Structures are given as C-alpha cells and as structure tokens.
Amino acid sequence: MTGPLPAYVDVLIVGAGLSGVGTAVHLQRQQPSTTFLLVEARAVSGGTWDLFRYPAVRSDSDMYTLGYSFAPWLESKSLADGPSILRYIRETATTFGIDKKMYFERRVLSAQWSSATAEWTVEILDTSDNTTHYVRCNFLWGNTGYYRYDVGHRPEFVGQERFTGTVVHPQHWPGDLDVTGKRVVVIGSGATAVTLVPTLAQSASQVVMLQRSPTWIVARPDVDASAMWLQGKLSVSRAYAVVRAKNILLGLLSYQISRRRPALVKRAITKGIIAALPKDYDVATHFTPSYNPWDQRLCLVPNGDLFAAISDGRAEVVTDTIESWTENGIRVSSGREIAADIIVTATGLTMQFLGGITLNIDGAPFDMSEGIVYKGIMLCGVPNFAMTFGYTNASWTLKADLTSLYICRLLARMSQRGYRQCTPVAPTGKIEVRRFMDLNAGYVLRAASSLPQQTTRRPWTLHNNYLRDTLMLKRGRLTNQMTLNNRVVAKN
C-alpha cells in the first residue's frame, strides 16, 4: 500500500512474510472489528521466501504443516521450492485481502509504551525517502523471523583476500551467476549447503561440499503419496486436514523417539545413508555427526538428490578444517588444496531478535536479554505485545497458527471486559532460567546472550510440542500469571 500511514490502529503487525500474512488473516477472521495494518521493511512481501533466491531454494518442512491451517496447499510437491511457497503466501494475502493492508519499505526502529494511554508509539522509517513517521497502536505484534535479512554470517578466513575467484553468500545470491563448467566449493553442511550442492552439480564441472563436521541428513520423497491418494477420495479441505494431522503426529513421534532413543535413530539414519551411497563410501567420516539427532535440526534431501550426486561423481564431500584460502581455492588442514572458481559461504545466519526493534516501557529501556518469555509468545513485563516464533523441531507455521489463535482469544477477552492492558508477570522466587532456544546450532549459540530467556516452569517455558501447545494455547487458561488493567486475575 502507498500513501501516509494512519495515526492509529488497534493492532500493528510488523512483517509481511509467512508469519505476518497468517497473523493478519487470523486476526481478520477472529476479530473483524479490530483495525490493523502490516508494515514491512522490504519492498515486497514474502519475507524469507522472497529474500533467498539461491538455486533450488526450498523448504525442509512439508507444506501440509508449513502451509496455513486455513489455506490448503494444492500443489503436488510436499517439499516445495521457494518460488512456489512465495506464490502461495502472496495468493493467500490476496485471497483474504491482506495485501491491501500492507505498507512496504517501512522499517520499525523503536516502540515506546505508555501505561497512561495504554498505547504504543511506534517509530517507523520510510526507507524510500528516509523520513520518519509515528503510528500509535494498542497492541504491537512482531512477525519478524529470527535473523537479519541484510547480513548473513560469514566468518573471517585466513588468506581470503588472496582468492581471485568469485565469493557468494547464499543470502545474497547474484541473479546472473553462471556456474556452468566452473569449479565450485560450498563451505557448510547445513540445509542450504545440502540444497545447493546437487543443484550446482548439474552444470558445474566440479562441486565440493567442504564441511568442518557432518550433519544428520535424511532422504525423503518430495511428493506425499498418501496426500495424492486422499485428494482423489476427499474434498480438498478434508484431505488437507487429514494429511496435516498425519504429518504433525509423525513429526512429533519422530522427534520424541530421537530424544528418548538417540542411538536407535542414529542407526536408522546411518543405515539409510549407507544404502544410498557406494559400497565403500566413508559414511562414518562424512555423514556421522558427533551429536544426537535434533540437537540440531535434521536436514532433509528430497528424493536423496545429494546422495545421488555423490554416487555418480558429480559432487564430493570433504570433511576437514580450513587452513587458508589461496589464489586458486582453499587449502585444508590435511594439506590438500581444493581448486575453485567460485566459493559459496553457506556458513549460516545472523540472528536478530524482533528485527532489531528497541522497546521502551514507560520511559525505561527494555533489555531483551533479561526478558522471560510467557507461553513462548509474550515477554514478562512488556504490555500488549506478542511475537510469533515458530518451532525449531517442526514446521514454523504450526506454532505461528497457535500463537495467532491465542492472541485473538486474548484480544477478545480484553474487548469483552473493557480491558486496555495485558501484561505477563515474571515468575518470583528461585527459578532456573535457560536460553530461549535449545538448539546447539552455531547461529543460536552466537546470539544466545542477546535473546530472552525461558524457565523450567509453566507458563514461562517453550514446549516445542504441538499437542501440548494446542492444549495450552487453544484450550488452556487464558490469563494465568497475567495482569489485565494492572490487576492479577489468575495464577498457576
């Protein structure tokens, strides 16, 4: 949308990606009398799925759970490519009229809360002309993801200035980059690397995935056969609901078995990898991590494409540490020099909580690193504020949907009873605090000191369990340990 921002809305949604669009639809359906708008820092909607444009970018979550609960995924591929997901997000926004409530190139810088007026005053930079504007709202809702869109993580390498070829970070992939006949080294072993390697191997003369340590990788068909069968038997919405429920339960089962019986899961994954690779391949070195499954996210490869590229010689995995970059490639600690025309640094993300927005409560700055999360959605001591933060062990949208339903319930309760303020109350007494995210991934550990905390007690803990969260957020008590109009209405 163009034109000036309104002076006031009931709810200001920050972000117009997968989460922001879903939040807006839920709010519109559940609270039709509530005024809202979305502000997006980038020039277009879609968030992650517009930003990442490297070859074959795709989801490693199935679209029956990454898709919205209210908008069935209709395409055949369950593990979908980025352009298909982007199209789905934008079509959903158009179908529900959310596109008419989006303001682009509007970066939220800060938000000031006043208890006297029960309003946020939000400072917004219009990046198209570098002017600053202010919008007042009763409720502020962050849908910003968890990483910086403008900067990816790229560590400093010894001798990198000597390399005479092309260096690319996947977060900023050049549209005109041609790898045909080129020698490519992809540094990394995560989801981005395992997506890029088999795709680049289709046209490059040589592709090497250079990893310091392996990642747990599982092959999976990109088409859900049961979904295809059900679509021929049931209505679109019914088939989608059944497959969604099936995939939720299978995902929960897989995760729980991984945490309770890690040795069993490791053997099963390893057995699948051995079957997919040549008989004498060194699976122990290249595909057996030192950590348990789901200490970090599993990587999914559709139809085993990575293993196929390795098996037919189009791609190679090297497990070693980097000694230095050279004029013509990379020298590893074993002494080998890997020749390269192009080096792709698939070295991870830079986390940024709430898109870098600073919060101020009644004149006092709020320190995110000292905040305690409430039901994984709000922050203790921060009034009329929510954040959408999806699962790390399942599809992001599953938690995003539950977040929206909970906040809509909360807003309805406030409206019905005439409340203007809701503030989660921090736990008292001796408590054990933990970092916000349990994953041991590098991007999480690098940012741990800047993130909020959780505890081991409800409702200040993250379950990362869809069934438990469904009971708590859809069916559970709405305002336990929360003040409404500064009055404690209930406690655990």
Protein backbone atom coordinates (compact mmCIF):
# COMPACT_ATOMS: atom_id res chain seq x y z
CA MET A 1 0.00 0.00 0.00
CA THR A 2 1.17 3.53 -0.70
CA GLY A 3 0.34 6.82 0.98
CA PRO A 4 0.72 8.02 4.56
CA LEU A 5 0.42 5.65 7.48
CA PRO A 6 -2.66 6.09 9.68
CA ALA A 7 -2.10 7.80 13.00
CA TYR A 8 -3.64 4.92 14.97
CA VAL A 9 -4.63 1.26 14.58
CA ASP A 10 -5.72 -1.25 17.19
CA VAL A 11 -3.01 -3.76 16.21
CA LEU A 12 0.24 -3.08 14.35
CA ILE A 13 1.74 -6.19 12.73
CA VAL A 14 5.45 -5.97 11.94
CA GLY A 15 6.45 -8.15 8.99
CA ALA A 16 4.67 -9.33 5.85
CA GLY A 17 6.22 -12.75 5.38
CA LEU A 18 4.77 -16.20 6.02
CA SER A 19 4.01 -15.38 9.68
CA GLY A 20 2.75 -11.85 9.16
CA VAL A 21 0.25 -12.83 6.49
CA GLY A 22 -1.03 -15.72 8.62
CA THR A 23 -1.34 -13.48 11.67
CA ALA A 24 -3.31 -10.90 9.70
CA VAL A 25 -5.74 -13.49 8.31
CA HIS A 26 -6.39 -14.98 11.75
CA LEU A 27 -6.92 -11.53 13.23
CA GLN A 28 -9.28 -10.54 10.45
CA ARG A 29 -11.32 -13.72 10.80
CA GLN A 30 -11.40 -13.86 14.60
CA GLN A 31 -11.62 -10.14 15.38
CA PRO A 32 -13.33 -8.50 12.38
CA SER A 33 -13.93 -5.20 14.20
CA THR A 34 -10.25 -4.78 15.08
CA THR A 35 -8.30 -2.33 12.91
CA PHE A 36 -4.80 -3.39 11.87
CA LEU A 37 -2.10 -2.96 9.27
CA LEU A 38 1.19 -4.63 8.36
CA VAL A 39 4.47 -2.76 7.97
CA GLU A 40 7.27 -4.46 6.07
CA ALA A 41 10.89 -3.28 5.93
CA ARG A 42 11.50 -4.73 2.48
CA ALA A 43 9.93 -3.53 -0.77
CA VAL A 44 7.83 -6.68 -1.25
CA SER A 45 6.01 -9.32 0.78
CA GLY A 46 7.12 -12.89 1.33
CA GLY A 47 9.92 -12.48 3.85
CA THR A 48 12.36 -15.39 3.74
CA TRP A 49 10.78 -16.82 0.63
CA ASP A 50 11.42 -13.68 -1.38
CA LEU A 51 14.85 -12.96 0.11
CA PHE A 52 16.51 -16.33 -0.52
CA ARG A 53 16.96 -16.84 -4.24
CA TYR A 54 19.84 -19.28 -4.46
CA PRO A 55 19.38 -22.23 -6.85
CA ALA A 56 16.71 -24.75 -5.80
CA VAL A 57 15.92 -22.96 -2.53
CA ARG A 58 13.18 -24.97 -0.84
CA SER A 59 11.54 -25.83 2.43
CA ASP A 60 12.78 -28.69 4.57
CA SER A 61 9.35 -28.84 6.22
CA ASP A 62 6.41 -30.40 4.42
CA MET A 63 3.87 -27.93 3.05
CA TYR A 64 0.93 -29.65 4.72
CA THR A 65 2.27 -28.35 8.04
CA LEU A 66 4.24 -25.33 6.82
CA GLY A 67 1.10 -24.20 4.99
CA TYR A 68 -1.63 -22.29 6.78
CA SER A 69 -4.36 -24.20 8.59
CA PHE A 70 -6.99 -22.16 6.72
CA ALA A 71 -5.45 -22.33 3.20
CA PRO A 72 -4.89 -25.84 1.81
CA TRP A 73 -1.68 -26.50 -0.08
CA LEU A 74 -2.77 -27.58 -3.54
CA GLU A 75 0.46 -28.34 -5.38
CA SER A 76 1.84 -31.85 -5.72
CA LYS A 77 5.23 -31.41 -4.05
CA SER A 78 5.22 -31.65 -0.30
CA LEU A 79 8.82 -30.41 -0.06
CA ALA A 80 8.24 -27.32 -2.17
CA ASP A 81 10.62 -24.91 -3.87
CA GLY A 82 10.95 -21.28 -2.79
CA PRO A 83 9.07 -19.69 -5.71
CA SER A 84 6.06 -21.98 -5.10
CA ILE A 85 5.99 -21.07 -1.40
CA LEU A 86 6.28 -17.37 -2.22
CA ARG A 87 3.39 -17.66 -4.66
CA TYR A 88 1.31 -19.43 -2.00
CA ILE A 89 1.96 -16.68 0.56
CA ARG A 90 1.04 -13.90 -1.85
CA GLU A 91 -2.02 -15.69 -3.20
CA THR A 92 -3.22 -16.19 0.38
CA ALA A 93 -2.73 -12.49 1.12
CA THR A 94 -4.69 -11.54 -1.99
CA THR A 95 -7.49 -14.04 -1.36
CA PHE A 96 -8.12 -12.64 2.11
CA GLY A 97 -7.49 -9.01 1.20
CA ILE A 98 -4.41 -8.72 3.39
CA ASP A 99 -2.37 -7.27 0.52
CA LYS A 100 -4.46 -4.10 0.82
CA LYS A 101 -3.24 -3.59 4.38
CA MET A 102 0.50 -3.83 3.76
CA TYR A 103 2.90 -0.88 3.80
CA PHE A 104 6.31 -1.61 2.29
CA GLU A 105 9.72 -0.04 2.87
CA ARG A 106 8.61 0.79 6.41
CA ARG A 107 11.25 -0.28 8.93
CA VAL A 108 10.23 -0.21 12.59
CA LEU A 109 13.03 1.30 14.65
CA SER A 110 11.56 1.54 18.15
CA ALA A 111 8.37 1.35 20.16
CA GLN A 112 7.52 3.35 23.28
CA TRP A 113 4.80 2.09 25.65
CA SER A 114 2.73 4.44 27.79
CA SER A 115 0.63 2.95 30.59
CA ALA A 116 -1.17 6.27 30.94
CA THR A 117 -2.71 5.94 27.47
CA ALA A 118 -2.38 2.15 27.05
CA GLU A 119 -0.71 2.72 23.69
CA TRP A 120 2.49 2.05 21.85
CA THR A 121 4.03 4.88 19.86
CA VAL A 122 5.95 3.16 17.09
CA GLU A 123 8.79 4.90 15.26
CA ILE A 124 8.88 3.86 11.59
CA LEU A 125 11.45 4.77 8.95
CA ASP A 126 10.19 5.09 5.38
CA THR A 127 13.28 3.83 3.58
CA SER A 128 12.03 5.07 0.20
CA ASP A 129 12.68 8.68 1.24
CA ASN A 130 14.38 8.38 4.67
CA THR A 131 11.55 10.08 6.53
CA THR A 132 10.42 9.07 9.99
CA HIS A 133 6.78 8.56 10.94
CA TYR A 134 4.93 7.55 14.10
CA VAL A 135 1.95 5.23 14.49
CA ARG A 136 0.09 4.67 17.73
CA CYS A 137 -1.42 1.27 18.47
CA ASN A 138 -2.92 -0.56 21.41
CA PHE A 139 -1.22 -3.87 20.58
CA LEU A 140 2.15 -4.49 18.90
CA TRP A 141 2.76 -7.85 17.21
CA GLY A 142 6.18 -8.84 15.85
CA ASN A 143 6.34 -11.25 12.91
CA THR A 144 9.95 -10.57 12.00
CA GLY A 145 11.50 -14.03 11.95
CA TYR A 146 14.74 -14.51 13.84
CA TYR A 147 17.62 -13.45 11.61
CA ARG A 148 18.97 -10.35 9.92
CA TYR A 149 17.78 -10.00 6.36
CA ASP A 150 20.61 -7.70 5.31
CA VAL A 151 23.59 -9.63 6.72
CA GLY A 152 24.34 -13.35 6.70
CA HIS A 153 27.01 -14.96 8.87
CA ARG A 154 30.37 -15.30 7.20
CA PRO A 155 33.40 -15.95 9.38
CA GLU A 156 36.79 -14.49 8.55
CA PHE A 157 39.10 -16.97 6.81
CA VAL A 158 42.86 -16.75 6.69
CA GLY A 159 44.01 -15.58 3.28
CA GLN A 160 40.54 -14.90 1.90
CA GLU A 161 41.72 -11.66 0.33
CA ARG A 162 44.07 -13.67 -1.91
CA PHE A 163 41.32 -15.62 -3.65
CA THR A 164 40.94 -14.41 -7.23
CA GLY A 165 37.59 -16.06 -7.98
CA THR A 166 34.02 -15.24 -7.05
CA VAL A 167 32.73 -15.39 -3.45
CA VAL A 168 28.99 -15.71 -2.81
CA HIS A 169 26.85 -15.93 0.32
CA PRO A 170 23.53 -17.72 -0.35
CA GLN A 171 21.58 -14.96 1.40
CA HIS A 172 22.70 -12.58 -1.37
CA TRP A 173 22.86 -14.82 -4.42
CA PRO A 174 23.60 -12.87 -7.65
CA GLY A 175 20.88 -13.37 -10.24
CA ASP A 176 23.41 -13.50 -13.07
CA LEU A 177 25.83 -16.01 -11.54
CA ASP A 178 26.60 -18.79 -14.04
CA VAL A 179 28.33 -21.89 -12.65
CA THR A 180 28.40 -23.78 -15.95
CA GLY A 181 31.74 -25.53 -16.32
CA LYS A 182 33.07 -23.91 -13.14
CA ARG A 183 34.71 -25.45 -10.08
CA VAL A 184 32.62 -24.69 -7.01
CA VAL A 185 33.36 -25.16 -3.32
CA VAL A 186 30.41 -24.87 -0.93
CA ILE A 187 31.54 -24.26 2.65
CA GLY A 188 28.99 -25.66 5.09
CA SER A 189 26.94 -28.74 5.86
CA GLY A 190 23.52 -27.36 6.79
CA ALA A 191 20.23 -27.16 4.92
CA THR A 192 21.47 -24.52 2.48
CA ALA A 193 24.61 -26.44 1.57
CA VAL A 194 22.85 -29.76 1.01
CA THR A 195 20.30 -27.98 -1.18
CA LEU A 196 22.91 -26.17 -3.28
CA VAL A 197 25.37 -28.99 -3.90
CA PRO A 198 23.22 -31.37 -6.02
CA THR A 199 21.71 -28.43 -7.91
CA LEU A 200 25.04 -26.80 -8.76
CA ALA A 201 26.42 -30.22 -9.70
CA GLN A 202 24.01 -30.36 -12.63
CA SER A 203 26.04 -27.77 -14.56
CA ALA A 204 29.33 -27.12 -12.73
CA SER A 205 32.41 -29.12 -13.68
CA GLN A 206 33.20 -29.87 -10.04
CA VAL A 207 31.32 -29.30 -6.77
CA VAL A 208 32.85 -29.90 -3.35
CA MET A 209 30.93 -29.60 -0.11
CA LEU A 210 33.58 -28.65 2.42
CA GLN A 211 32.42 -29.25 5.98
CA ARG A 212 34.15 -28.95 9.31
CA SER A 213 31.79 -31.58 10.76
CA PRO A 214 28.84 -33.60 9.42
CA THR A 215 25.11 -33.01 9.83
CA TRP A 216 22.37 -35.62 10.22
CA ILE A 217 20.77 -35.92 6.78
CA VAL A 218 17.64 -37.85 5.86
CA ALA A 219 16.32 -38.56 2.36
CA ARG A 220 12.61 -38.11 1.83
CA PRO A 221 10.27 -38.18 -1.21
CA ASP A 222 9.23 -34.69 -2.31
CA VAL A 223 5.70 -35.94 -3.06
CA ASP A 224 3.47 -37.31 -0.29
CA ALA A 225 1.84 -40.39 -1.83
CA SER A 226 -0.85 -40.56 0.86
CA ALA A 227 -1.82 -36.94 0.15
CA MET A 228 -2.18 -37.66 -3.55
CA TRP A 229 -4.40 -40.66 -2.79
CA LEU A 230 -6.58 -38.77 -0.29
CA GLN A 231 -7.09 -35.87 -2.69
CA GLY A 232 -8.83 -38.29 -5.01
CA LYS A 233 -11.12 -39.55 -2.24
CA LEU A 234 -11.98 -36.50 -0.14
CA SER A 235 -12.71 -32.81 -0.58
CA VAL A 236 -9.69 -30.52 -0.82
CA SER A 237 -10.11 -29.13 2.69
CA ARG A 238 -10.77 -32.53 4.27
CA ALA A 239 -7.80 -34.18 2.56
CA TYR A 240 -5.54 -31.31 3.60
CA ALA A 241 -6.70 -31.56 7.22
CA VAL A 242 -6.12 -35.32 7.34
CA VAL A 243 -2.63 -35.13 5.83
CA ARG A 244 -1.76 -32.20 8.07
CA ALA A 245 -2.80 -34.17 11.17
CA LYS A 246 -0.91 -37.24 9.98
CA ASN A 247 2.29 -35.27 9.39
CA ILE A 248 2.01 -33.48 12.73
CA LEU A 249 1.74 -36.78 14.58
CA LEU A 250 4.55 -38.41 12.60
CA GLY A 251 6.78 -35.41 13.23
CA LEU A 252 6.07 -35.50 16.96
CA LEU A 253 6.71 -39.23 17.09
CA SER A 254 9.98 -38.89 15.19
CA TYR A 255 11.21 -36.12 17.46
CA GLN A 256 10.26 -37.91 20.67
CA ILE A 257 11.95 -41.13 19.58
CA SER A 258 15.05 -39.14 18.60
CA ARG A 259 15.28 -37.56 22.05
CA ARG A 260 14.45 -40.72 24.01
CA ARG A 261 16.27 -43.31 21.87
CA PRO A 262 19.00 -41.39 20.04
CA ALA A 263 21.15 -44.46 19.38
CA LEU A 264 18.24 -46.17 17.63
CA VAL A 265 17.57 -43.17 15.42
CA LYS A 266 21.24 -42.73 14.58
CA ARG A 267 21.43 -46.34 13.44
CA ALA A 268 18.32 -45.93 11.30
CA ILE A 269 19.57 -42.74 9.63
CA THR A 270 23.02 -44.23 9.05
CA LYS A 271 21.51 -47.35 7.52
CA GLY A 272 19.59 -45.23 5.01
CA ILE A 273 22.71 -43.25 4.08
CA ILE A 274 24.80 -46.40 3.60
CA ALA A 275 22.14 -47.81 1.29
CA ALA A 276 22.12 -44.61 -0.80
CA LEU A 277 25.89 -44.33 -1.31
CA PRO A 278 28.55 -46.52 -2.97
CA LYS A 279 29.56 -49.60 -1.04
CA ASP A 280 33.00 -48.35 0.02
CA TYR A 281 31.95 -44.80 0.88
CA ASP A 282 33.26 -43.43 4.21
CA VAL A 283 29.92 -42.71 5.86
CA ALA A 284 31.49 -42.59 9.32
CA THR A 285 33.63 -39.59 8.41
CA HIS A 286 31.29 -37.61 6.19
CA PHE A 287 27.78 -38.36 7.47
CA THR A 288 28.05 -39.32 11.14
CA PRO A 289 27.88 -36.27 13.43
CA SER A 290 29.20 -36.26 16.98
CA TYR A 291 25.86 -35.00 18.34
CA ASN A 292 22.46 -36.65 18.64
CA PRO A 293 19.65 -36.13 16.13
CA TRP A 294 17.72 -32.93 16.90
CA ASP A 295 20.48 -31.39 18.99
CA GLN A 296 20.50 -29.51 15.72
CA ARG A 297 17.80 -29.63 13.04
CA LEU A 298 17.80 -32.62 10.72
CA CYS A 299 18.48 -31.83 7.08
CA LEU A 300 16.08 -33.31 4.53
CA VAL A 301 17.17 -34.04 0.97
CA PRO A 302 14.29 -34.60 -1.47
CA ASN A 303 14.47 -37.96 -3.22
CA GLY A 304 18.05 -38.39 -1.96
CA ASP A 305 19.39 -35.94 -4.55
CA LEU A 306 22.57 -35.19 -2.59
CA PHE A 307 23.44 -38.86 -2.27
CA ALA A 308 22.75 -39.39 -5.98
CA ALA A 309 25.11 -36.54 -6.93
CA ILE A 310 27.85 -38.03 -4.76
CA SER A 311 27.27 -41.55 -6.07
CA ASP A 312 27.61 -40.61 -9.71
CA GLY A 313 30.69 -38.47 -9.12
CA ARG A 314 29.13 -35.05 -9.76
CA ALA A 315 29.74 -33.93 -6.17
CA GLU A 316 32.26 -34.66 -3.43
CA VAL A 317 32.19 -34.18 0.34
CA VAL A 318 35.38 -33.18 2.12
CA THR A 319 35.40 -33.22 5.92
CA ASP A 320 38.29 -31.13 7.13
CA THR A 321 39.17 -27.75 8.59
CA ILE A 322 40.26 -24.77 6.52
CA GLU A 323 43.91 -23.81 6.87
CA SER A 324 43.68 -20.87 4.47
CA TRP A 325 42.25 -19.60 1.24
CA THR A 326 44.67 -19.38 -1.67
CA GLU A 327 44.69 -17.59 -5.01
CA ASN A 328 43.02 -20.58 -6.64
CA GLY A 329 40.90 -22.16 -3.94
CA ILE A 330 41.13 -23.47 -0.37
CA ARG A 331 43.88 -25.36 1.42
CA VAL A 332 42.62 -27.68 4.16
CA SER A 333 44.49 -28.95 7.21
CA SER A 334 45.30 -32.31 5.60
CA GLY A 335 47.40 -30.43 3.03
CA ARG A 336 45.05 -30.77 0.07
CA GLU A 337 44.28 -27.68 -1.99
CA ILE A 338 40.76 -27.68 -3.39
CA ALA A 339 40.66 -25.70 -6.62
CA ALA A 340 37.75 -23.31 -7.04
CA ASP A 341 36.47 -20.67 -9.42
CA ILE A 342 33.56 -19.93 -7.09
CA ILE A 343 33.39 -20.25 -3.30
CA VAL A 344 29.94 -20.32 -1.71
CA THR A 345 29.97 -19.49 2.01
CA ALA A 346 26.90 -21.39 3.25
CA THR A 347 28.06 -20.61 6.76
CA GLY A 348 24.79 -19.67 8.39
CA LEU A 349 22.57 -16.87 9.58
CA THR A 350 23.00 -13.87 11.82
CA MET A 351 20.23 -13.93 14.40
CA GLN A 352 18.38 -10.73 15.22
CA PHE A 353 15.51 -10.78 17.67
CA LEU A 354 12.43 -8.74 16.73
CA GLY A 355 14.14 -7.29 13.69
CA GLY A 356 16.35 -5.09 15.84
CA ILE A 357 13.43 -3.08 17.27
CA THR A 358 14.13 -1.44 20.63
CA LEU A 359 11.38 -1.34 23.26
CA ASN A 360 10.82 1.26 25.95
CA ILE A 361 8.30 0.78 28.77
CA ASP A 362 7.07 3.96 30.45
CA GLY A 363 10.37 5.69 29.81
CA ALA A 364 12.65 2.76 30.72
CA PRO A 365 14.54 0.78 28.04
CA PHE A 366 13.66 -2.91 27.97
CA ASP A 367 16.62 -5.30 27.79
CA MET A 368 15.66 -8.25 25.58
CA SER A 369 18.38 -10.44 27.08
CA GLU A 370 16.79 -10.13 30.53
CA GLY A 371 13.25 -10.81 29.34
CA ILE A 372 11.44 -14.03 30.19
CA VAL A 373 9.09 -15.48 27.61
CA TYR A 374 5.46 -16.12 28.51
CA LYS A 375 3.88 -19.13 26.77
CA GLY A 376 6.52 -18.70 24.09
CA ILE A 377 4.55 -15.71 22.77
CA MET A 378 4.83 -12.66 25.04
CA LEU A 379 7.51 -11.14 27.28
CA CYS A 380 7.08 -10.73 31.01
CA GLY A 381 6.83 -7.06 31.92
CA VAL A 382 6.02 -5.94 28.37
CA PRO A 383 2.36 -4.87 27.99
CA ASN A 384 0.22 -5.52 24.92
CA PHE A 385 2.98 -7.19 22.95
CA ALA A 386 3.32 -10.51 21.14
CA MET A 387 5.90 -12.18 18.93
CA THR A 388 5.43 -15.02 16.51
CA PHE A 389 8.24 -17.53 16.87
CA GLY A 390 7.73 -20.92 15.26
CA TYR A 391 9.04 -24.34 16.14
CA THR A 392 12.65 -25.36 15.68
CA ASN A 393 11.77 -29.07 15.65
CA ALA A 394 8.72 -28.90 13.38
CA SER A 395 7.11 -26.58 10.85
CA TRP A 396 7.27 -22.92 11.77
CA THR A 397 3.63 -22.30 10.89
CA LEU A 398 2.26 -24.81 13.38
CA LYS A 399 3.34 -22.59 16.29
CA ALA A 400 2.52 -19.43 14.33
CA ASP A 401 -1.10 -20.58 13.92
CA LEU A 402 -1.39 -21.37 17.64
CA THR A 403 0.15 -18.01 18.51
CA SER A 404 -2.45 -16.20 16.42
CA LEU A 405 -5.35 -18.12 17.93
CA TYR A 406 -4.14 -17.42 21.47
CA ILE A 407 -3.65 -13.68 20.90
CA CYS A 408 -7.04 -13.44 19.20
CA ARG A 409 -8.60 -15.09 22.27
CA LEU A 410 -6.78 -12.64 24.49
CA LEU A 411 -7.88 -9.60 22.47
CA ALA A 412 -11.48 -10.85 22.51
CA ARG A 413 -11.38 -11.22 26.32
CA MET A 414 -9.97 -7.71 26.69
CA SER A 415 -12.63 -6.27 24.38
CA GLN A 416 -15.48 -8.08 26.12
CA ARG A 417 -14.43 -6.87 29.57
CA GLY A 418 -13.25 -3.42 28.62
CA TYR A 419 -9.57 -4.00 29.42
CA ARG A 420 -6.93 -1.91 27.67
CA GLN A 421 -3.76 -3.51 29.04
CA CYS A 422 -2.44 -7.03 29.48
CA THR A 423 0.99 -7.70 30.96
CA PRO A 424 2.56 -11.09 31.68
CA VAL A 425 4.01 -11.24 35.19
CA ALA A 426 7.50 -12.65 35.69
CA PRO A 427 7.90 -15.66 37.99
CA THR A 428 9.04 -15.00 41.54
CA GLY A 429 11.25 -16.92 43.91
CA LYS A 430 14.08 -19.22 42.94
CA ILE A 431 13.82 -20.19 39.29
CA GLU A 432 16.07 -21.94 36.81
CA VAL A 433 16.48 -19.92 33.64
CA ARG A 434 17.54 -21.37 30.32
CA ARG A 435 18.34 -19.90 26.96
CA PHE A 436 15.44 -19.20 24.65
CA MET A 437 16.31 -21.82 22.01
CA ASP A 438 17.51 -25.32 22.91
CA LEU A 439 19.21 -25.98 19.59
CA ASN A 440 23.01 -26.17 19.63
CA ALA A 441 23.32 -24.73 16.13
CA GLY A 442 26.07 -22.17 15.62
CA TYR A 443 23.71 -19.31 14.78
CA VAL A 444 21.81 -19.89 18.05
CA LEU A 445 24.93 -20.13 20.22
CA ARG A 446 26.41 -16.98 18.67
CA ALA A 447 23.31 -14.96 19.60
CA ALA A 448 22.37 -16.63 22.91
CA SER A 449 23.45 -13.68 25.07
CA SER A 450 21.12 -11.28 23.24
CA LEU A 451 17.98 -13.43 23.33
CA PRO A 452 15.26 -13.61 26.01
CA GLN A 453 15.21 -16.49 28.47
CA GLN A 454 12.81 -19.21 29.47
CA THR A 455 12.44 -21.17 32.69
CA THR A 456 11.66 -24.78 33.54
CA ARG A 457 8.19 -23.86 34.85
CA ARG A 458 4.96 -23.20 33.03
CA PRO A 459 3.90 -20.83 31.56
CA TRP A 460 7.41 -19.46 31.12
CA THR A 461 8.82 -22.35 29.14
CA LEU A 462 8.81 -23.41 25.49
CA HIS A 463 7.46 -26.90 24.96
CA ASN A 464 8.35 -27.32 21.27
CA ASN A 465 5.46 -29.77 21.29
CA TYR A 466 2.42 -29.06 19.14
CA LEU A 467 -0.02 -31.17 21.15
CA ARG A 468 0.97 -29.62 24.49
CA ASP A 469 0.86 -26.14 22.99
CA THR A 470 -2.55 -26.82 21.49
CA LEU A 471 -3.90 -27.68 24.94
CA MET A 472 -2.27 -24.62 26.49
CA LEU A 473 -2.95 -22.01 23.81
CA LYS A 474 -6.31 -23.13 22.38
CA ARG A 475 -7.90 -24.81 25.39
CA GLY A 476 -5.97 -23.71 28.44
CA ARG A 477 -6.45 -20.86 30.87
CA LEU A 478 -6.10 -17.58 29.06
CA THR A 479 -4.60 -15.23 31.61
CA ASN A 480 -2.63 -17.26 34.14
CA GLN A 481 0.16 -15.06 35.53
CA MET A 482 -1.01 -12.01 33.63
CA THR A 483 -2.34 -8.67 34.76
CA LEU A 484 -5.25 -7.01 32.99
CA ASN A 485 -5.54 -3.33 33.77
CA ASN A 486 -2.81 -3.95 36.36
CA ARG A 487 -4.93 -6.41 38.31
CA VAL A 488 -3.79 -10.03 38.68
CA VAL A 489 -6.79 -12.10 37.63
CA ALA A 490 -5.42 -15.61 38.00
CA LYS A 491 -2.29 -17.55 38.89
CA ASN A 492 -0.97 -21.05 38.36
